[in-house]
Amino acid sequence: MNKIKINDSELAFRDLGQGQPVVFLHAFPLNQSMWDEQVPEFSQKHRVITLDWPGFGDSSLSSADSTMPNFADVVAGLLDQLGIGSATICGLSMGGYAALALCRKYPTRVNSLILCDTRAVTDTEEGKRGRFETAELARNKGASVIVELMIPKLLGETTLKTKPQIAERVRAMIEAANPEGIAKALIGMAGRDDSTDLLAKLICPTLVVVGEEDTLTPPSESEKMNAAIPGSRLAVIPKAGHLANLESAASFNQIVGDFLKRT
């Protein structure tokens, strides 16, 4: 694991392989180890970069707010320090929100785009209230209480019934997060811009991926994004929930690998 100073955060990241860079942006409230099935697969032919958002995994908390534009700054800053002009950006859930913010703020840094189990629209008022309440819960009771709230939402029905080892991995990642990092990310997601207007302006090759059993950002949201993005492709992964790359790693890798071959 490498560390680099980005603004006032010690950012933990991995940088493996050679070739066209591919940056994987992790979901809330996990860390870059959620990509452990993707790093060895894609670093054989690509330069693969993963990172922990500030306040998650091994990255220190930043004094800056965890807004999606600020997360875009983190990615752009890391690319700058690694001497990378542009890359394929793959973001899942919150990572997808950050990827869209990167497209809006730094469009020339995105060669191609993979949006996984995410959505373009902003939260409803009810959704925002729920995030604020969960942020207070994290601050008052710590990361462990977030585990019980999130695991049933993050994983699909099939995974919950048949793959307990996946649930344990997710539990460990959530418990490793800084409670204030969790709270700040929740507030940042609640305040994110609606990206619907951005979709039609995306000119880079784009892949939209979603788990068939995703209830947090269901396939209907991915279908809307796919319809709005010129020339994009949609892939639905059977028997996977919100964390499709973990729940059905082989299928996810095949879909992403095929996309990377064509870009």
C-alpha atoms as a PDB file:
ATOM      1  CA  MET A   1       0.000   0.000   0.000  1.00  0.00           C
ATOM      2  CA  ASN A   2       1.306   3.432  -0.958  1.00  0.00           C
ATOM      3  CA  LYS A   3       0.494   6.778   0.631  1.00  0.00           C
ATOM      4  CA  ILE A   4       0.617  10.241  -0.829  1.00  0.00           C
ATOM      5  CA  LYS A   5      -0.354  13.679   0.457  1.00  0.00           C
ATOM      6  CA  ILE A   6      -3.433  15.069  -1.274  1.00  0.00           C
ATOM      7  CA  ASN A   7      -4.457  18.389   0.273  1.00  0.00           C
ATOM      8  CA  ASP A   8      -4.340  17.571   4.007  1.00  0.00           C
ATOM      9  CA  SER A   9      -5.113  13.859   3.746  1.00  0.00           C
ATOM     10  CA  GLU A  10      -2.640  10.984   3.676  1.00  0.00           C
ATOM     11  CA  LEU A  11      -4.237   9.115   0.800  1.00  0.00           C
ATOM     12  CA  ALA A  12      -3.726   5.356   0.626  1.00  0.00           C
ATOM     13  CA  PHE A  13      -3.608   3.902  -2.875  1.00  0.00           C
ATOM     14  CA  ARG A  14      -2.380   1.033  -5.047  1.00  0.00           C
ATOM     15  CA  ASP A  15      -0.700   1.459  -8.419  1.00  0.00           C
ATOM     16  CA  LEU A  16      -0.038  -1.834 -10.177  1.00  0.00           C
ATOM     17  CA  GLY A  17       0.656  -2.984 -13.730  1.00  0.00           C
ATOM     18  CA  GLN A  18       1.434  -1.148 -16.940  1.00  0.00           C
ATOM     19  CA  GLY A  19      -0.573   0.112 -19.864  1.00  0.00           C
ATOM     20  CA  GLN A  20      -3.712   2.209 -20.157  1.00  0.00           C
ATOM     21  CA  PRO A  21      -4.595   3.441 -16.633  1.00  0.00           C
ATOM     22  CA  VAL A  22      -7.830   2.258 -15.025  1.00  0.00           C
ATOM     23  CA  VAL A  23      -8.920   3.917 -11.772  1.00  0.00           C
ATOM     24  CA  PHE A  24     -11.401   2.086  -9.522  1.00  0.00           C
ATOM     25  CA  LEU A  25     -13.420   4.251  -7.104  1.00  0.00           C
ATOM     26  CA  HIS A  26     -14.932   2.427  -4.147  1.00  0.00           C
ATOM     27  CA  ALA A  27     -18.428   2.440  -2.709  1.00  0.00           C
ATOM     28  CA  PHE A  28     -19.710   3.828   0.583  1.00  0.00           C
ATOM     29  CA  PRO A  29     -18.858   2.864   3.310  1.00  0.00           C
ATOM     30  CA  LEU A  30     -16.165   0.448   2.152  1.00  0.00           C
ATOM     31  CA  ASN A  31     -12.564   0.859   0.974  1.00  0.00           C
ATOM     32  CA  GLN A  32     -10.316  -0.052  -1.918  1.00  0.00           C
ATOM     33  CA  SER A  33     -10.063  -3.694  -0.859  1.00  0.00           C
ATOM     34  CA  MET A  34     -13.518  -4.152  -2.396  1.00  0.00           C
ATOM     35  CA  TRP A  35     -11.611  -4.254  -5.702  1.00  0.00           C
ATOM     36  CA  ASP A  36      -9.339  -7.133  -4.667  1.00  0.00           C
ATOM     37  CA  GLU A  37     -10.885  -9.434  -7.300  1.00  0.00           C
ATOM     38  CA  GLN A  38     -10.342  -6.817  -9.997  1.00  0.00           C
ATOM     39  CA  VAL A  39      -6.780  -5.646  -9.297  1.00  0.00           C
ATOM     40  CA  PRO A  40      -4.939  -8.901 -10.218  1.00  0.00           C
ATOM     41  CA  GLU A  41      -7.240  -9.466 -13.186  1.00  0.00           C
ATOM     42  CA  PHE A  42      -6.829  -6.093 -14.848  1.00  0.00           C
ATOM     43  CA  SER A  43      -3.268  -5.231 -13.801  1.00  0.00           C
ATOM     44  CA  GLN A  44      -2.034  -7.916 -16.204  1.00  0.00           C
ATOM     45  CA  LYS A  45      -2.745  -5.619 -19.150  1.00  0.00           C
ATOM     46  CA  HIS A  46      -3.483  -2.232 -17.585  1.00  0.00           C
ATOM     47  CA  ARG A  47      -2.105   0.163 -15.012  1.00  0.00           C
ATOM     48  CA  VAL A  48      -4.621  -0.286 -12.202  1.00  0.00           C
ATOM     49  CA  ILE A  49      -5.093   2.350  -9.519  1.00  0.00           C
ATOM     50  CA  THR A  50      -7.318   2.033  -6.454  1.00  0.00           C
ATOM     51  CA  LEU A  51      -7.603   4.416  -3.519  1.00  0.00           C
ATOM     52  CA  ASP A  52      -9.275   4.859  -0.156  1.00  0.00           C
ATOM     53  CA  TRP A  53     -11.436   7.964   0.088  1.00  0.00           C
ATOM     54  CA  PRO A  54     -10.417  10.249   2.985  1.00  0.00           C
ATOM     55  CA  GLY A  55     -11.723   8.761   6.213  1.00  0.00           C
ATOM     56  CA  PHE A  56     -11.999   5.229   4.789  1.00  0.00           C
ATOM     57  CA  GLY A  57      -9.595   2.303   4.806  1.00  0.00           C
ATOM     58  CA  ASP A  58      -6.044   3.530   5.373  1.00  0.00           C
ATOM     59  CA  SER A  59      -6.600   7.133   4.255  1.00  0.00           C
ATOM     60  CA  SER A  60      -6.656   9.798   6.942  1.00  0.00           C
ATOM     61  CA  LEU A  61      -9.633  12.071   7.378  1.00  0.00           C
ATOM     62  CA  SER A  62      -9.458  15.402   5.554  1.00  0.00           C
ATOM     63  CA  SER A  63     -10.561  18.728   6.982  1.00  0.00           C
ATOM     64  CA  ALA A  64     -12.372  19.332   3.680  1.00  0.00           C
ATOM     65  CA  ASP A  65     -15.989  18.309   3.268  1.00  0.00           C
ATOM     66  CA  SER A  66     -16.550  14.963   1.562  1.00  0.00           C
ATOM     67  CA  THR A  67     -18.474  16.434  -1.354  1.00  0.00           C
ATOM     68  CA  MET A  68     -18.413  14.724  -4.710  1.00  0.00           C
ATOM     69  CA  PRO A  69     -16.568  17.691  -6.352  1.00  0.00           C
ATOM     70  CA  ASN A  70     -13.954  17.443  -3.572  1.00  0.00           C
ATOM     71  CA  PHE A  71     -13.637  13.718  -4.211  1.00  0.00           C
ATOM     72  CA  ALA A  72     -13.137  14.566  -7.891  1.00  0.00           C
ATOM     73  CA  ASP A  73     -10.304  16.862  -6.783  1.00  0.00           C
ATOM     74  CA  VAL A  74      -8.769  13.949  -4.878  1.00  0.00           C
ATOM     75  CA  VAL A  75      -8.775  11.771  -8.001  1.00  0.00           C
ATOM     76  CA  ALA A  76      -7.386  14.555 -10.196  1.00  0.00           C
ATOM     77  CA  GLY A  77      -4.703  15.292  -7.605  1.00  0.00           C
ATOM     78  CA  LEU A  78      -3.671  11.642  -7.445  1.00  0.00           C
ATOM     79  CA  LEU A  79      -3.494  11.430 -11.245  1.00  0.00           C
ATOM     80  CA  ASP A  80      -1.349  14.568 -11.271  1.00  0.00           C
ATOM     81  CA  GLN A  81       1.092  13.135  -8.750  1.00  0.00           C
ATOM     82  CA  LEU A  82       1.272   9.842 -10.647  1.00  0.00           C
ATOM     83  CA  GLY A  83       1.922  11.643 -13.924  1.00  0.00           C
ATOM     84  CA  ILE A  84      -1.288  10.374 -15.536  1.00  0.00           C
ATOM     85  CA  GLY A  85      -3.142  12.692 -17.889  1.00  0.00           C
ATOM     86  CA  SER A  86      -6.308  10.672 -18.373  1.00  0.00           C
ATOM     87  CA  ALA A  87      -7.661   7.257 -17.469  1.00  0.00           C
ATOM     88  CA  THR A  88     -10.600   4.904 -17.602  1.00  0.00           C
ATOM     89  CA  ILE A  89     -12.665   5.719 -14.516  1.00  0.00           C
ATOM     90  CA  CYS A  90     -14.730   2.958 -12.907  1.00  0.00           C
ATOM     91  CA  GLY A  91     -16.901   4.036  -9.978  1.00  0.00           C
ATOM     92  CA  LEU A  92     -19.390   1.974  -7.992  1.00  0.00           C
ATOM     93  CA  SER A  93     -22.214   3.605  -5.994  1.00  0.00           C
ATOM     94  CA  MET A  94     -20.616   6.606  -4.229  1.00  0.00           C
ATOM     95  CA  GLY A  95     -17.633   5.999  -6.494  1.00  0.00           C
ATOM     96  CA  GLY A  96     -20.020   6.488  -9.409  1.00  0.00           C
ATOM     97  CA  TYR A  97     -21.196   9.807  -7.981  1.00  0.00           C
ATOM     98  CA  ALA A  98     -17.555  10.879  -7.723  1.00  0.00           C
ATOM     99  CA  ALA A  99     -16.878   9.648 -11.264  1.00  0.00           C
ATOM    100  CA  LEU A 100     -19.723  11.817 -12.599  1.00  0.00           C
ATOM    101  CA  ALA A 101     -18.365  14.771 -10.622  1.00  0.00           C
ATOM    102  CA  LEU A 102     -14.979  14.131 -12.220  1.00  0.00           C
ATOM    103  CA  CYS A 103     -16.598  14.112 -15.678  1.00  0.00           C
ATOM    104  CA  ARG A 104     -18.219  17.461 -14.929  1.00  0.00           C
ATOM    105  CA  LYS A 105     -15.189  19.145 -13.353  1.00  0.00           C
ATOM    106  CA  TYR A 106     -12.289  17.492 -15.210  1.00  0.00           C
ATOM    107  CA  PRO A 107     -13.740  16.032 -18.432  1.00  0.00           C
ATOM    108  CA  THR A 108     -10.366  15.701 -20.145  1.00  0.00           C
ATOM    109  CA  ARG A 109      -9.155  13.343 -17.412  1.00  0.00           C
ATOM    110  CA  VAL A 110     -11.754  10.687 -18.349  1.00  0.00           C
ATOM    111  CA  ASN A 111     -10.870   8.517 -21.370  1.00  0.00           C
ATOM    112  CA  SER A 112     -13.733   6.114 -20.810  1.00  0.00           C
ATOM    113  CA  LEU A 113     -16.257   5.612 -18.050  1.00  0.00           C
ATOM    114  CA  ILE A 114     -17.741   2.666 -16.166  1.00  0.00           C
ATOM    115  CA  LEU A 115     -20.702   3.464 -13.916  1.00  0.00           C
ATOM    116  CA  CYS A 116     -21.595   0.598 -11.593  1.00  0.00           C
ATOM    117  CA  ASP A 117     -24.648   0.304  -9.340  1.00  0.00           C
ATOM    118  CA  THR A 118     -25.125   4.050  -9.151  1.00  0.00           C
ATOM    119  CA  ARG A 119     -27.552   6.737 -10.317  1.00  0.00           C
ATOM    120  CA  ALA A 120     -27.475  10.196 -11.867  1.00  0.00           C
ATOM    121  CA  VAL A 121     -30.396  11.734  -9.991  1.00  0.00           C
ATOM    122  CA  THR A 122     -29.946  13.356  -6.601  1.00  0.00           C
ATOM    123  CA  ASP A 123     -31.561  12.138  -3.383  1.00  0.00           C
ATOM    124  CA  THR A 124     -35.201  12.720  -2.561  1.00  0.00           C
ATOM    125  CA  GLU A 125     -35.903  14.828   0.516  1.00  0.00           C
ATOM    126  CA  GLU A 126     -36.663  11.616   2.389  1.00  0.00           C
ATOM    127  CA  GLY A 127     -33.391  10.141   1.197  1.00  0.00           C
ATOM    128  CA  LYS A 128     -31.461  13.185   2.366  1.00  0.00           C
ATOM    129  CA  ARG A 129     -33.083  13.029   5.807  1.00  0.00           C
ATOM    130  CA  GLY A 130     -32.129   9.368   6.050  1.00  0.00           C
ATOM    131  CA  ARG A 131     -28.501  10.159   5.256  1.00  0.00           C
ATOM    132  CA  PHE A 132     -28.386  12.947   7.868  1.00  0.00           C
ATOM    133  CA  GLU A 133     -29.880  10.639  10.500  1.00  0.00           C
ATOM    134  CA  THR A 134     -27.392   7.886   9.656  1.00  0.00           C
ATOM    135  CA  ALA A 135     -24.539  10.404   9.854  1.00  0.00           C
ATOM    136  CA  GLU A 136     -25.562  11.283  13.404  1.00  0.00           C
ATOM    137  CA  LEU A 137     -25.833   7.608  14.237  1.00  0.00           C
ATOM    138  CA  ALA A 138     -22.260   7.019  13.008  1.00  0.00           C
ATOM    139  CA  ARG A 139     -20.974   9.958  15.032  1.00  0.00           C
ATOM    140  CA  ASN A 140     -22.771   8.877  18.192  1.00  0.00           C
ATOM    141  CA  LYS A 141     -22.432   5.096  18.061  1.00  0.00           C
ATOM    142  CA  GLY A 142     -19.518   4.359  15.735  1.00  0.00           C
ATOM    143  CA  ALA A 143     -18.998   2.370  12.553  1.00  0.00           C
ATOM    144  CA  SER A 144     -20.201  -0.978  13.921  1.00  0.00           C
ATOM    145  CA  VAL A 145     -23.810   0.196  14.124  1.00  0.00           C
ATOM    146  CA  ILE A 146     -23.679   1.103  10.424  1.00  0.00           C
ATOM    147  CA  VAL A 147     -22.881  -2.529   9.580  1.00  0.00           C
ATOM    148  CA  GLU A 148     -26.307  -3.784  10.583  1.00  0.00           C
ATOM    149  CA  LEU A 149     -28.003  -1.019   8.619  1.00  0.00           C
ATOM    150  CA  MET A 150     -25.966  -1.384   5.446  1.00  0.00           C
ATOM    151  CA  ILE A 151     -25.272  -5.076   4.800  1.00  0.00           C
ATOM    152  CA  PRO A 152     -28.898  -5.980   3.967  1.00  0.00           C
ATOM    153  CA  LYS A 153     -28.960  -3.054   1.522  1.00  0.00           C
ATOM    154  CA  LEU A 154     -25.547  -3.566  -0.043  1.00  0.00           C
ATOM    155  CA  LEU A 155     -25.863  -7.257  -0.837  1.00  0.00           C
ATOM    156  CA  GLY A 156     -28.385  -9.043  -3.014  1.00  0.00           C
ATOM    157  CA  GLU A 157     -30.774 -11.704  -1.808  1.00  0.00           C
ATOM    158  CA  THR A 158     -28.756 -14.500  -3.403  1.00  0.00           C
ATOM    159  CA  THR A 159     -25.501 -13.357  -1.785  1.00  0.00           C
ATOM    160  CA  LEU A 160     -27.117 -12.950   1.642  1.00  0.00           C
ATOM    161  CA  LYS A 161     -28.434 -16.509   1.430  1.00  0.00           C
ATOM    162  CA  THR A 162     -25.477 -18.307  -0.127  1.00  0.00           C
ATOM    163  CA  LYS A 163     -22.249 -16.298   0.345  1.00  0.00           C
ATOM    164  CA  PRO A 164     -21.709 -15.456   4.029  1.00  0.00           C
ATOM    165  CA  GLN A 165     -18.024 -14.854   3.369  1.00  0.00           C
ATOM    166  CA  ILE A 166     -18.925 -11.824   1.241  1.00  0.00           C
ATOM    167  CA  ALA A 167     -20.998 -10.384   4.073  1.00  0.00           C
ATOM    168  CA  GLU A 168     -18.055 -10.831   6.453  1.00  0.00           C
ATOM    169  CA  ARG A 169     -15.731  -9.001   4.073  1.00  0.00           C
ATOM    170  CA  VAL A 170     -18.175  -6.138   3.825  1.00  0.00           C
ATOM    171  CA  ARG A 171     -18.564  -6.068   7.613  1.00  0.00           C
ATOM    172  CA  ALA A 172     -14.794  -5.782   8.086  1.00  0.00           C
ATOM    173  CA  MET A 173     -14.522  -2.934   5.564  1.00  0.00           C
ATOM    174  CA  ILE A 174     -17.294  -0.929   7.201  1.00  0.00           C
ATOM    175  CA  GLU A 175     -15.868  -1.452  10.687  1.00  0.00           C
ATOM    176  CA  ALA A 176     -12.484  -0.181   9.439  1.00  0.00           C
ATOM    177  CA  ALA A 177     -13.975   3.170   8.421  1.00  0.00           C
ATOM    178  CA  ASN A 178     -13.588   6.314  10.503  1.00  0.00           C
ATOM    179  CA  PRO A 179     -17.069   7.182  11.913  1.00  0.00           C
ATOM    180  CA  GLU A 180     -16.527  10.831  11.029  1.00  0.00           C
ATOM    181  CA  GLY A 181     -15.508   9.761   7.526  1.00  0.00           C
ATOM    182  CA  ILE A 182     -18.795   7.879   7.263  1.00  0.00           C
ATOM    183  CA  ALA A 183     -20.755  10.902   8.486  1.00  0.00           C
ATOM    184  CA  LYS A 184     -19.017  13.355   6.153  1.00  0.00           C
ATOM    185  CA  ALA A 185     -19.534  11.092   3.144  1.00  0.00           C
ATOM    186  CA  LEU A 186     -23.230  10.720   3.932  1.00  0.00           C
ATOM    187  CA  ILE A 187     -23.613  14.491   4.123  1.00  0.00           C
ATOM    188  CA  GLY A 188     -21.615  14.871   0.903  1.00  0.00           C
ATOM    189  CA  MET A 189     -23.820  12.390  -0.942  1.00  0.00           C
ATOM    190  CA  ALA A 190     -26.974  14.074   0.341  1.00  0.00           C
ATOM    191  CA  GLY A 191     -25.759  17.384  -1.083  1.00  0.00           C
ATOM    192  CA  ARG A 192     -24.589  16.103  -4.447  1.00  0.00           C
ATOM    193  CA  ASP A 193     -25.747  17.708  -7.679  1.00  0.00           C
ATOM    194  CA  ASP A 194     -28.195  16.035 -10.011  1.00  0.00           C
ATOM    195  CA  SER A 195     -26.131  14.727 -12.926  1.00  0.00           C
ATOM    196  CA  THR A 196     -28.988  13.972 -15.303  1.00  0.00           C
ATOM    197  CA  ASP A 197     -28.071  16.944 -17.497  1.00  0.00           C
ATOM    198  CA  LEU A 198     -24.491  15.711 -17.738  1.00  0.00           C
ATOM    199  CA  LEU A 199     -25.351  12.316 -19.227  1.00  0.00           C
ATOM    200  CA  ALA A 200     -26.217  13.554 -22.709  1.00  0.00           C
ATOM    201  CA  LYS A 201     -22.938  15.488 -22.797  1.00  0.00           C
ATOM    202  CA  LEU A 202     -20.737  12.457 -22.138  1.00  0.00           C
ATOM    203  CA  ILE A 203     -18.765  11.748 -25.290  1.00  0.00           C
ATOM    204  CA  CYS A 204     -16.372   9.120 -23.935  1.00  0.00           C
ATOM    205  CA  PRO A 205     -17.100   5.387 -24.287  1.00  0.00           C
ATOM    206  CA  THR A 206     -19.337   4.451 -21.365  1.00  0.00           C
ATOM    207  CA  LEU A 207     -20.420   1.177 -19.766  1.00  0.00           C
ATOM    208  CA  VAL A 208     -23.253   0.975 -17.236  1.00  0.00           C
ATOM    209  CA  VAL A 209     -23.244  -2.085 -14.951  1.00  0.00           C
ATOM    210  CA  VAL A 210     -25.831  -3.079 -12.360  1.00  0.00           C
ATOM    211  CA  GLY A 211     -26.675  -6.093 -10.243  1.00  0.00           C
ATOM    212  CA  GLU A 212     -30.040  -7.649 -11.028  1.00  0.00           C
ATOM    213  CA  GLU A 213     -30.887  -7.741  -7.292  1.00  0.00           C
ATOM    214  CA  ASP A 214     -29.665  -4.223  -6.486  1.00  0.00           C
ATOM    215  CA  THR A 215     -32.347  -2.512  -4.386  1.00  0.00           C
ATOM    216  CA  LEU A 216     -30.351   0.639  -3.529  1.00  0.00           C
ATOM    217  CA  THR A 217     -29.792   1.707  -7.140  1.00  0.00           C
ATOM    218  CA  PRO A 218     -32.048  -0.702  -9.039  1.00  0.00           C
ATOM    219  CA  PRO A 219     -31.634  -1.693 -12.689  1.00  0.00           C
ATOM    220  CA  SER A 220     -34.317   0.833 -13.668  1.00  0.00           C
ATOM    221  CA  GLU A 221     -31.910   3.640 -12.694  1.00  0.00           C
ATOM    222  CA  SER A 222     -29.153   2.129 -14.827  1.00  0.00           C
ATOM    223  CA  GLU A 223     -31.571   1.751 -17.735  1.00  0.00           C
ATOM    224  CA  LYS A 224     -32.358   5.477 -17.526  1.00  0.00           C
ATOM    225  CA  MET A 225     -28.669   6.384 -17.513  1.00  0.00           C
ATOM    226  CA  ASN A 226     -27.933   4.064 -20.403  1.00  0.00           C
ATOM    227  CA  ALA A 227     -30.759   5.605 -22.438  1.00  0.00           C
ATOM    228  CA  ALA A 228     -29.447   9.114 -21.767  1.00  0.00           C
ATOM    229  CA  ILE A 229     -25.733   8.529 -22.484  1.00  0.00           C
ATOM    230  CA  PRO A 230     -24.900   8.543 -26.209  1.00  0.00           C
ATOM    231  CA  GLY A 231     -23.635   5.150 -27.382  1.00  0.00           C
ATOM    232  CA  SER A 232     -23.378   3.621 -23.906  1.00  0.00           C
ATOM    233  CA  ARG A 233     -23.797  -0.061 -23.159  1.00  0.00           C
ATOM    234  CA  LEU A 234     -25.785  -1.623 -20.293  1.00  0.00           C
ATOM    235  CA  ALA A 235     -24.913  -4.897 -18.559  1.00  0.00           C
ATOM    236  CA  VAL A 236     -27.114  -6.478 -15.870  1.00  0.00           C
ATOM    237  CA  ILE A 237     -25.409  -9.091 -13.692  1.00  0.00           C
ATOM    238  CA  PRO A 238     -27.743 -11.897 -12.549  1.00  0.00           C
ATOM    239  CA  LYS A 239     -27.997 -12.840  -8.871  1.00  0.00           C
ATOM    240  CA  ALA A 240     -25.947  -9.819  -7.736  1.00  0.00           C
ATOM    241  CA  GLY A 241     -26.943  -6.875  -5.591  1.00  0.00           C
ATOM    242  CA  HIS A 242     -25.431  -3.433  -5.080  1.00  0.00           C
ATOM    243  CA  LEU A 243     -21.847  -4.700  -4.806  1.00  0.00           C
ATOM    244  CA  ALA A 244     -21.897  -6.559  -8.107  1.00  0.00           C
ATOM    245  CA  ASN A 245     -18.104  -6.660  -8.435  1.00  0.00           C
ATOM    246  CA  LEU A 246     -17.838  -8.562  -5.139  1.00  0.00           C
ATOM    247  CA  GLU A 247     -20.927 -10.711  -5.434  1.00  0.00           C
ATOM    248  CA  SER A 248     -20.284 -11.916  -8.993  1.00  0.00           C
ATOM    249  CA  ALA A 249     -16.629 -11.108  -9.587  1.00  0.00           C
ATOM    250  CA  ALA A 250     -16.146 -13.410 -12.582  1.00  0.00           C
ATOM    251  CA  SER A 251     -19.137 -11.970 -14.449  1.00  0.00           C
ATOM    252  CA  PHE A 252     -18.150  -8.417 -13.557  1.00  0.00           C
ATOM    253  CA  ASN A 253     -14.565  -8.955 -14.724  1.00  0.00           C
ATOM    254  CA  GLN A 254     -15.724 -10.471 -18.004  1.00  0.00           C
ATOM    255  CA  ILE A 255     -18.040  -7.539 -18.730  1.00  0.00           C
ATOM    256  CA  VAL A 256     -15.482  -4.888 -17.815  1.00  0.00           C
ATOM    257  CA  GLY A 257     -12.695  -6.743 -19.603  1.00  0.00           C
ATOM    258  CA  ASP A 258     -14.713  -6.882 -22.829  1.00  0.00           C
ATOM    259  CA  PHE A 259     -15.392  -3.138 -22.544  1.00  0.00           C
ATOM    260  CA  LEU A 260     -11.723  -2.310 -21.964  1.00  0.00           C
ATOM    261  CA  LYS A 261     -10.719  -4.317 -25.050  1.00  0.00           C
ATOM    262  CA  ARG A 262     -12.916  -2.065 -27.173  1.00  0.00           C
ATOM    263  CA  THR A 263     -11.762   1.268 -25.729  1.00  0.00           C
END
